[in-house]
Amino acid sequence: MFREILLGMNAPNTDTIFSKIIRKEIPARIAFEDEHCLAFHDISPQAPVHVLLIPKRPIRSMAEITASDSALLGHMMSVIPKLAEQLGIKETGFRVVANTNSDGGQTVYHLHFHILGGRTLGWPPG
């Protein structure tokens, strides 16, 4: 139960670990930050390069995106190739993943995109 509370599961507006990273209450290795979003290195990387890109405005998951989120998500999509270049994976290739809800593998209920690279990524992913 404590893990669910910490990660922000089961309640629409709970404070997640990502909210705490945004507020700098929990340290993270920041790769990018602007007024709309934040990218940081995953503490349990699944590839040599594994960065999470999150909006600063809380959105629980891909399943809860609305038309009013279009500008924010468009901005985040434009940040991804810049991050890939900065991380040295733009030319060789990378994968962007957004796990959605429990069957999709989402564990932190704050929308986030995994940016993975630095090696050949297999298919199917899981």
N, C-alpha and C. Protein backbone atom coordinates (compact mmCIF):
# COMPACT_ATOMS: atom_id res chain seq x y z
N MET A 1 0.82 -1.19 0.00
CA MET A 1 0.00 0.00 0.00
C MET A 1 0.86 1.26 0.00
N PHE A 2 1.94 1.28 0.79
CA PHE A 2 2.81 2.45 0.83
C PHE A 2 3.38 2.75 -0.54
N ARG A 3 3.80 1.69 -1.26
CA ARG A 3 4.35 1.87 -2.61
C ARG A 3 3.32 2.52 -3.52
N GLU A 4 2.04 2.10 -3.45
CA GLU A 4 0.99 2.67 -4.27
C GLU A 4 0.79 4.14 -3.94
N ILE A 5 0.85 4.49 -2.69
CA ILE A 5 0.70 5.89 -2.28
C ILE A 5 1.88 6.70 -2.79
N LEU A 6 3.09 6.18 -2.62
CA LEU A 6 4.29 6.88 -3.06
C LEU A 6 4.26 7.14 -4.56
N LEU A 7 3.87 6.14 -5.33
CA LEU A 7 3.89 6.27 -6.78
C LEU A 7 2.67 6.99 -7.33
N GLY A 8 1.68 7.23 -6.49
CA GLY A 8 0.53 8.00 -6.93
C GLY A 8 -0.55 7.17 -7.59
N MET A 9 -0.60 5.88 -7.31
CA MET A 9 -1.62 5.03 -7.89
C MET A 9 -2.89 5.12 -7.06
N ASN A 10 -4.00 4.81 -7.68
CA ASN A 10 -5.30 4.68 -7.02
C ASN A 10 -5.99 5.98 -6.67
N ALA A 11 -5.42 7.11 -6.92
CA ALA A 11 -6.09 8.37 -6.62
C ALA A 11 -5.75 9.38 -7.70
N PRO A 12 -6.73 10.14 -8.17
CA PRO A 12 -6.49 11.01 -9.31
C PRO A 12 -5.53 12.16 -9.06
N ASN A 13 -5.46 12.70 -7.86
CA ASN A 13 -4.65 13.89 -7.64
C ASN A 13 -3.58 13.70 -6.57
N THR A 14 -3.16 12.48 -6.33
CA THR A 14 -2.14 12.29 -5.31
C THR A 14 -0.80 12.82 -5.78
N ASP A 15 0.04 13.09 -4.85
CA ASP A 15 1.37 13.60 -5.11
C ASP A 15 2.27 12.43 -5.49
N THR A 16 2.81 12.44 -6.70
CA THR A 16 3.66 11.34 -7.13
C THR A 16 5.13 11.66 -6.92
N ILE A 17 5.94 10.66 -7.08
CA ILE A 17 7.38 10.85 -7.00
C ILE A 17 7.85 11.84 -8.08
N PHE A 18 7.19 11.84 -9.25
CA PHE A 18 7.56 12.78 -10.31
C PHE A 18 7.22 14.22 -9.92
N SER A 19 6.10 14.42 -9.23
CA SER A 19 5.76 15.76 -8.74
C SER A 19 6.84 16.26 -7.79
N LYS A 20 7.35 15.36 -6.97
CA LYS A 20 8.40 15.74 -6.02
C LYS A 20 9.71 16.05 -6.74
N ILE A 21 9.98 15.35 -7.84
CA ILE A 21 11.18 15.65 -8.64
C ILE A 21 11.02 17.02 -9.29
N ILE A 22 9.84 17.32 -9.81
CA ILE A 22 9.58 18.63 -10.42
C ILE A 22 9.83 19.74 -9.41
N ARG A 23 9.38 19.54 -8.16
CA ARG A 23 9.55 20.55 -7.12
C ARG A 23 10.93 20.51 -6.48
N LYS A 24 11.80 19.61 -6.95
CA LYS A 24 13.18 19.47 -6.44
C LYS A 24 13.21 19.00 -4.99
N GLU A 25 12.17 18.29 -4.56
CA GLU A 25 12.14 17.69 -3.23
C GLU A 25 12.89 16.36 -3.21
N ILE A 26 13.02 15.75 -4.37
CA ILE A 26 13.76 14.51 -4.55
C ILE A 26 14.80 14.78 -5.63
N PRO A 27 16.06 14.43 -5.38
CA PRO A 27 17.08 14.70 -6.40
C PRO A 27 16.92 13.81 -7.62
N ALA A 28 17.31 14.33 -8.75
CA ALA A 28 17.31 13.58 -10.00
C ALA A 28 18.42 14.15 -10.88
N ARG A 29 18.92 13.31 -11.77
CA ARG A 29 19.93 13.75 -12.74
C ARG A 29 19.19 14.34 -13.94
N ILE A 30 19.06 15.65 -13.93
CA ILE A 30 18.27 16.36 -14.93
C ILE A 30 19.01 16.41 -16.27
N ALA A 31 18.30 16.05 -17.34
CA ALA A 31 18.86 16.13 -18.69
C ALA A 31 18.34 17.35 -19.44
N PHE A 32 17.14 17.81 -19.08
CA PHE A 32 16.52 18.96 -19.74
C PHE A 32 15.41 19.49 -18.85
N GLU A 33 15.23 20.82 -18.87
CA GLU A 33 14.12 21.41 -18.16
C GLU A 33 13.76 22.74 -18.79
N ASP A 34 12.47 22.98 -18.93
CA ASP A 34 11.95 24.29 -19.30
C ASP A 34 10.68 24.52 -18.50
N GLU A 35 9.91 25.54 -18.84
CA GLU A 35 8.74 25.87 -18.05
C GLU A 35 7.61 24.85 -18.19
N HIS A 36 7.68 23.97 -19.21
CA HIS A 36 6.60 23.03 -19.49
C HIS A 36 6.89 21.58 -19.12
N CYS A 37 8.16 21.20 -19.18
CA CYS A 37 8.49 19.79 -18.97
C CYS A 37 9.88 19.62 -18.38
N LEU A 38 10.15 18.40 -17.96
CA LEU A 38 11.41 18.05 -17.31
C LEU A 38 11.83 16.67 -17.78
N ALA A 39 13.10 16.49 -18.08
CA ALA A 39 13.63 15.18 -18.45
C ALA A 39 14.75 14.83 -17.49
N PHE A 40 14.74 13.58 -17.04
CA PHE A 40 15.77 13.13 -16.11
C PHE A 40 16.11 11.67 -16.39
N HIS A 41 17.31 11.28 -15.99
CA HIS A 41 17.79 9.91 -16.20
C HIS A 41 17.07 8.95 -15.26
N ASP A 42 16.63 7.82 -15.82
CA ASP A 42 15.94 6.80 -15.05
C ASP A 42 16.90 6.18 -14.05
N ILE A 43 16.43 5.95 -12.82
CA ILE A 43 17.31 5.35 -11.79
C ILE A 43 17.47 3.85 -11.98
N SER A 44 16.65 3.25 -12.84
CA SER A 44 16.76 1.83 -13.14
C SER A 44 16.74 1.67 -14.67
N PRO A 45 17.82 2.09 -15.33
CA PRO A 45 17.81 2.14 -16.79
C PRO A 45 17.66 0.76 -17.44
N GLN A 46 16.88 0.74 -18.52
CA GLN A 46 16.66 -0.48 -19.29
C GLN A 46 17.46 -0.49 -20.59
N ALA A 47 18.27 0.53 -20.79
CA ALA A 47 19.16 0.66 -21.94
C ALA A 47 20.30 1.58 -21.51
N PRO A 48 21.40 1.61 -22.27
CA PRO A 48 22.50 2.51 -21.89
C PRO A 48 22.05 3.96 -21.73
N VAL A 49 21.10 4.39 -22.55
CA VAL A 49 20.49 5.71 -22.39
C VAL A 49 19.02 5.48 -22.06
N HIS A 50 18.58 6.00 -20.94
CA HIS A 50 17.17 5.85 -20.53
C HIS A 50 16.78 7.10 -19.75
N VAL A 51 16.05 7.97 -20.42
CA VAL A 51 15.63 9.24 -19.84
C VAL A 51 14.10 9.27 -19.83
N LEU A 52 13.55 9.88 -18.80
CA LEU A 52 12.10 10.07 -18.70
C LEU A 52 11.78 11.53 -18.95
N LEU A 53 10.80 11.78 -19.79
CA LEU A 53 10.33 13.13 -20.08
C LEU A 53 8.93 13.26 -19.52
N ILE A 54 8.72 14.24 -18.63
CA ILE A 54 7.44 14.41 -17.96
C ILE A 54 6.93 15.84 -18.12
N PRO A 55 5.61 15.99 -18.21
CA PRO A 55 5.07 17.34 -18.19
C PRO A 55 5.08 17.87 -16.75
N LYS A 56 5.26 19.16 -16.59
CA LYS A 56 5.21 19.73 -15.25
C LYS A 56 3.77 19.81 -14.75
N ARG A 57 2.83 19.88 -15.66
CA ARG A 57 1.42 19.85 -15.29
C ARG A 57 1.01 18.38 -15.16
N PRO A 58 0.40 17.99 -14.06
CA PRO A 58 0.07 16.57 -13.89
C PRO A 58 -1.03 16.09 -14.83
N ILE A 59 -0.72 15.06 -15.57
CA ILE A 59 -1.67 14.30 -16.38
C ILE A 59 -1.40 12.86 -15.97
N ARG A 60 -2.42 12.13 -15.53
CA ARG A 60 -2.21 10.79 -14.99
C ARG A 60 -1.65 9.79 -16.01
N SER A 61 -2.17 9.80 -17.23
CA SER A 61 -1.72 8.81 -18.22
C SER A 61 -2.13 9.24 -19.61
N MET A 62 -1.67 8.50 -20.61
CA MET A 62 -2.07 8.74 -21.99
C MET A 62 -3.58 8.64 -22.13
N ALA A 63 -4.21 7.79 -21.33
CA ALA A 63 -5.65 7.57 -21.41
C ALA A 63 -6.46 8.79 -20.97
N GLU A 64 -5.82 9.74 -20.31
CA GLU A 64 -6.53 10.90 -19.80
C GLU A 64 -6.18 12.19 -20.54
N ILE A 65 -5.48 12.08 -21.65
CA ILE A 65 -5.15 13.25 -22.45
C ILE A 65 -6.41 13.79 -23.12
N THR A 66 -6.54 15.11 -23.14
CA THR A 66 -7.67 15.75 -23.81
C THR A 66 -7.14 16.74 -24.83
N ALA A 67 -8.04 17.30 -25.62
CA ALA A 67 -7.66 18.28 -26.63
C ALA A 67 -6.94 19.48 -26.01
N SER A 68 -7.25 19.80 -24.77
CA SER A 68 -6.59 20.95 -24.12
C SER A 68 -5.12 20.68 -23.82
N ASP A 69 -4.69 19.44 -23.95
CA ASP A 69 -3.28 19.07 -23.71
C ASP A 69 -2.44 19.11 -25.00
N SER A 70 -3.06 19.44 -26.12
CA SER A 70 -2.38 19.36 -27.42
C SER A 70 -1.11 20.19 -27.49
N ALA A 71 -1.17 21.43 -27.07
CA ALA A 71 0.02 22.29 -27.17
C ALA A 71 1.15 21.76 -26.30
N LEU A 72 0.84 21.34 -25.09
CA LEU A 72 1.86 20.79 -24.19
C LEU A 72 2.49 19.54 -24.79
N LEU A 73 1.68 18.63 -25.29
CA LEU A 73 2.22 17.38 -25.86
C LEU A 73 3.00 17.65 -27.14
N GLY A 74 2.55 18.60 -27.94
CA GLY A 74 3.31 18.98 -29.13
C GLY A 74 4.68 19.52 -28.74
N HIS A 75 4.71 20.33 -27.71
CA HIS A 75 5.99 20.85 -27.22
C HIS A 75 6.89 19.71 -26.77
N MET A 76 6.33 18.79 -26.01
CA MET A 76 7.14 17.66 -25.51
C MET A 76 7.69 16.82 -26.67
N MET A 77 6.87 16.62 -27.70
CA MET A 77 7.35 15.86 -28.86
C MET A 77 8.49 16.59 -29.56
N SER A 78 8.48 17.92 -29.54
CA SER A 78 9.58 18.67 -30.16
C SER A 78 10.84 18.65 -29.30
N VAL A 79 10.69 18.39 -28.02
CA VAL A 79 11.85 18.28 -27.11
C VAL A 79 12.57 16.95 -27.33
N ILE A 80 11.84 15.91 -27.67
CA ILE A 80 12.44 14.57 -27.78
C ILE A 80 13.61 14.51 -28.75
N PRO A 81 13.52 15.00 -29.99
CA PRO A 81 14.71 14.92 -30.86
C PRO A 81 15.89 15.76 -30.36
N LYS A 82 15.60 16.87 -29.69
CA LYS A 82 16.68 17.67 -29.10
C LYS A 82 17.38 16.88 -28.00
N LEU A 83 16.58 16.21 -27.17
CA LEU A 83 17.16 15.36 -26.12
C LEU A 83 17.97 14.23 -26.74
N ALA A 84 17.43 13.59 -27.77
CA ALA A 84 18.14 12.48 -28.41
C ALA A 84 19.48 12.95 -28.96
N GLU A 85 19.50 14.13 -29.54
CA GLU A 85 20.77 14.67 -30.04
C GLU A 85 21.73 14.93 -28.88
N GLN A 86 21.25 15.57 -27.85
CA GLN A 86 22.08 15.87 -26.67
C GLN A 86 22.63 14.59 -26.05
N LEU A 87 21.85 13.52 -26.06
CA LEU A 87 22.24 12.25 -25.44
C LEU A 87 23.07 11.36 -26.38
N GLY A 88 23.25 11.81 -27.63
CA GLY A 88 24.09 11.06 -28.58
C GLY A 88 23.41 9.87 -29.21
N ILE A 89 22.06 9.86 -29.27
CA ILE A 89 21.35 8.71 -29.85
C ILE A 89 20.47 9.09 -31.04
N LYS A 90 20.50 10.34 -31.45
CA LYS A 90 19.62 10.78 -32.53
C LYS A 90 19.94 10.07 -33.84
N GLU A 91 21.19 9.97 -34.18
CA GLU A 91 21.58 9.39 -35.47
C GLU A 91 21.46 7.86 -35.49
N THR A 92 21.82 7.21 -34.40
CA THR A 92 21.77 5.75 -34.37
C THR A 92 20.38 5.21 -34.12
N GLY A 93 19.54 5.99 -33.46
CA GLY A 93 18.15 5.59 -33.25
C GLY A 93 17.80 5.48 -31.78
N PHE A 94 16.50 5.60 -31.53
CA PHE A 94 15.99 5.54 -30.16
C PHE A 94 14.53 5.13 -30.19
N ARG A 95 14.01 4.81 -29.05
CA ARG A 95 12.61 4.42 -28.90
C ARG A 95 11.96 5.32 -27.86
N VAL A 96 10.70 5.69 -28.11
CA VAL A 96 9.91 6.47 -27.17
C VAL A 96 8.72 5.61 -26.76
N VAL A 97 8.55 5.44 -25.44
CA VAL A 97 7.50 4.57 -24.92
C VAL A 97 6.71 5.32 -23.86
N ALA A 98 5.39 5.16 -23.90
CA ALA A 98 4.52 5.68 -22.84
C ALA A 98 3.65 4.53 -22.36
N ASN A 99 4.01 3.94 -21.24
CA ASN A 99 3.20 2.88 -20.66
C ASN A 99 1.92 3.51 -20.12
N THR A 100 0.80 2.84 -20.35
CA THR A 100 -0.48 3.43 -19.97
C THR A 100 -1.31 2.46 -19.13
N ASN A 101 -1.59 2.88 -17.92
CA ASN A 101 -2.39 2.13 -16.94
C ASN A 101 -1.77 0.77 -16.63
N SER A 102 -2.42 -0.01 -15.80
CA SER A 102 -1.78 -1.20 -15.23
C SER A 102 -1.39 -2.25 -16.27
N ASP A 103 -2.26 -2.59 -17.20
CA ASP A 103 -1.91 -3.60 -18.20
C ASP A 103 -0.83 -3.11 -19.15
N GLY A 104 -0.70 -1.80 -19.29
CA GLY A 104 0.35 -1.23 -20.14
C GLY A 104 1.68 -1.08 -19.42
N GLY A 105 1.71 -1.42 -18.13
CA GLY A 105 2.96 -1.38 -17.37
C GLY A 105 3.24 -0.06 -16.67
N GLN A 106 2.26 0.82 -16.60
CA GLN A 106 2.48 2.10 -15.92
C GLN A 106 2.53 1.89 -14.42
N THR A 107 3.56 2.42 -13.78
CA THR A 107 3.70 2.29 -12.32
C THR A 107 3.63 3.63 -11.61
N VAL A 108 3.99 4.71 -12.30
CA VAL A 108 3.87 6.05 -11.72
C VAL A 108 2.76 6.75 -12.51
N TYR A 109 1.72 7.15 -11.81
CA TYR A 109 0.57 7.74 -12.47
C TYR A 109 0.71 9.25 -12.65
N HIS A 110 1.73 9.59 -13.43
CA HIS A 110 2.01 10.93 -13.94
C HIS A 110 2.56 10.64 -15.33
N LEU A 111 1.90 11.14 -16.36
CA LEU A 111 2.32 10.85 -17.73
C LEU A 111 3.82 11.01 -17.89
N HIS A 112 4.45 10.04 -18.53
CA HIS A 112 5.88 10.14 -18.80
C HIS A 112 6.23 9.32 -20.04
N PHE A 113 7.23 9.82 -20.74
CA PHE A 113 7.75 9.15 -21.93
C PHE A 113 9.14 8.64 -21.62
N HIS A 114 9.36 7.36 -21.86
CA HIS A 114 10.69 6.76 -21.75
C HIS A 114 11.39 6.99 -23.08
N ILE A 115 12.60 7.52 -23.05
CA ILE A 115 13.42 7.69 -24.25
C ILE A 115 14.61 6.76 -24.05
N LEU A 116 14.67 5.72 -24.89
CA LEU A 116 15.65 4.66 -24.74
C LEU A 116 16.54 4.58 -25.97
N GLY A 117 17.82 4.33 -25.74
CA GLY A 117 18.75 4.17 -26.86
C GLY A 117 20.12 3.75 -26.37
N GLY A 118 21.07 3.81 -27.27
CA GLY A 118 22.43 3.44 -26.93
C GLY A 118 22.75 1.99 -27.22
N ARG A 119 21.78 1.25 -27.76
CA ARG A 119 21.97 -0.14 -28.19
C ARG A 119 20.83 -0.48 -29.14
N THR A 120 20.96 -1.59 -29.84
CA THR A 120 19.86 -2.06 -30.68
C THR A 120 18.74 -2.56 -29.77
N LEU A 121 17.55 -2.06 -30.01
CA LEU A 121 16.40 -2.42 -29.20
C LEU A 121 15.58 -3.47 -29.94
N GLY A 122 15.31 -4.59 -29.28
CA GLY A 122 14.60 -5.69 -29.91
C GLY A 122 13.11 -5.45 -30.04
N TRP A 123 12.47 -6.32 -30.82
CA TRP A 123 11.01 -6.28 -31.00
C TRP A 123 10.52 -7.70 -31.06
N PRO A 124 9.47 -8.10 -30.43
CA PRO A 124 8.57 -7.23 -29.66
C PRO A 124 9.17 -6.85 -28.33
N PRO A 125 8.72 -5.72 -27.79
CA PRO A 125 9.34 -5.18 -26.57
C PRO A 125 8.99 -5.94 -25.31
N GLY A 126 7.88 -6.62 -25.23
CA GLY A 126 7.54 -7.26 -23.98
C GLY A 126 6.38 -8.11 -24.15
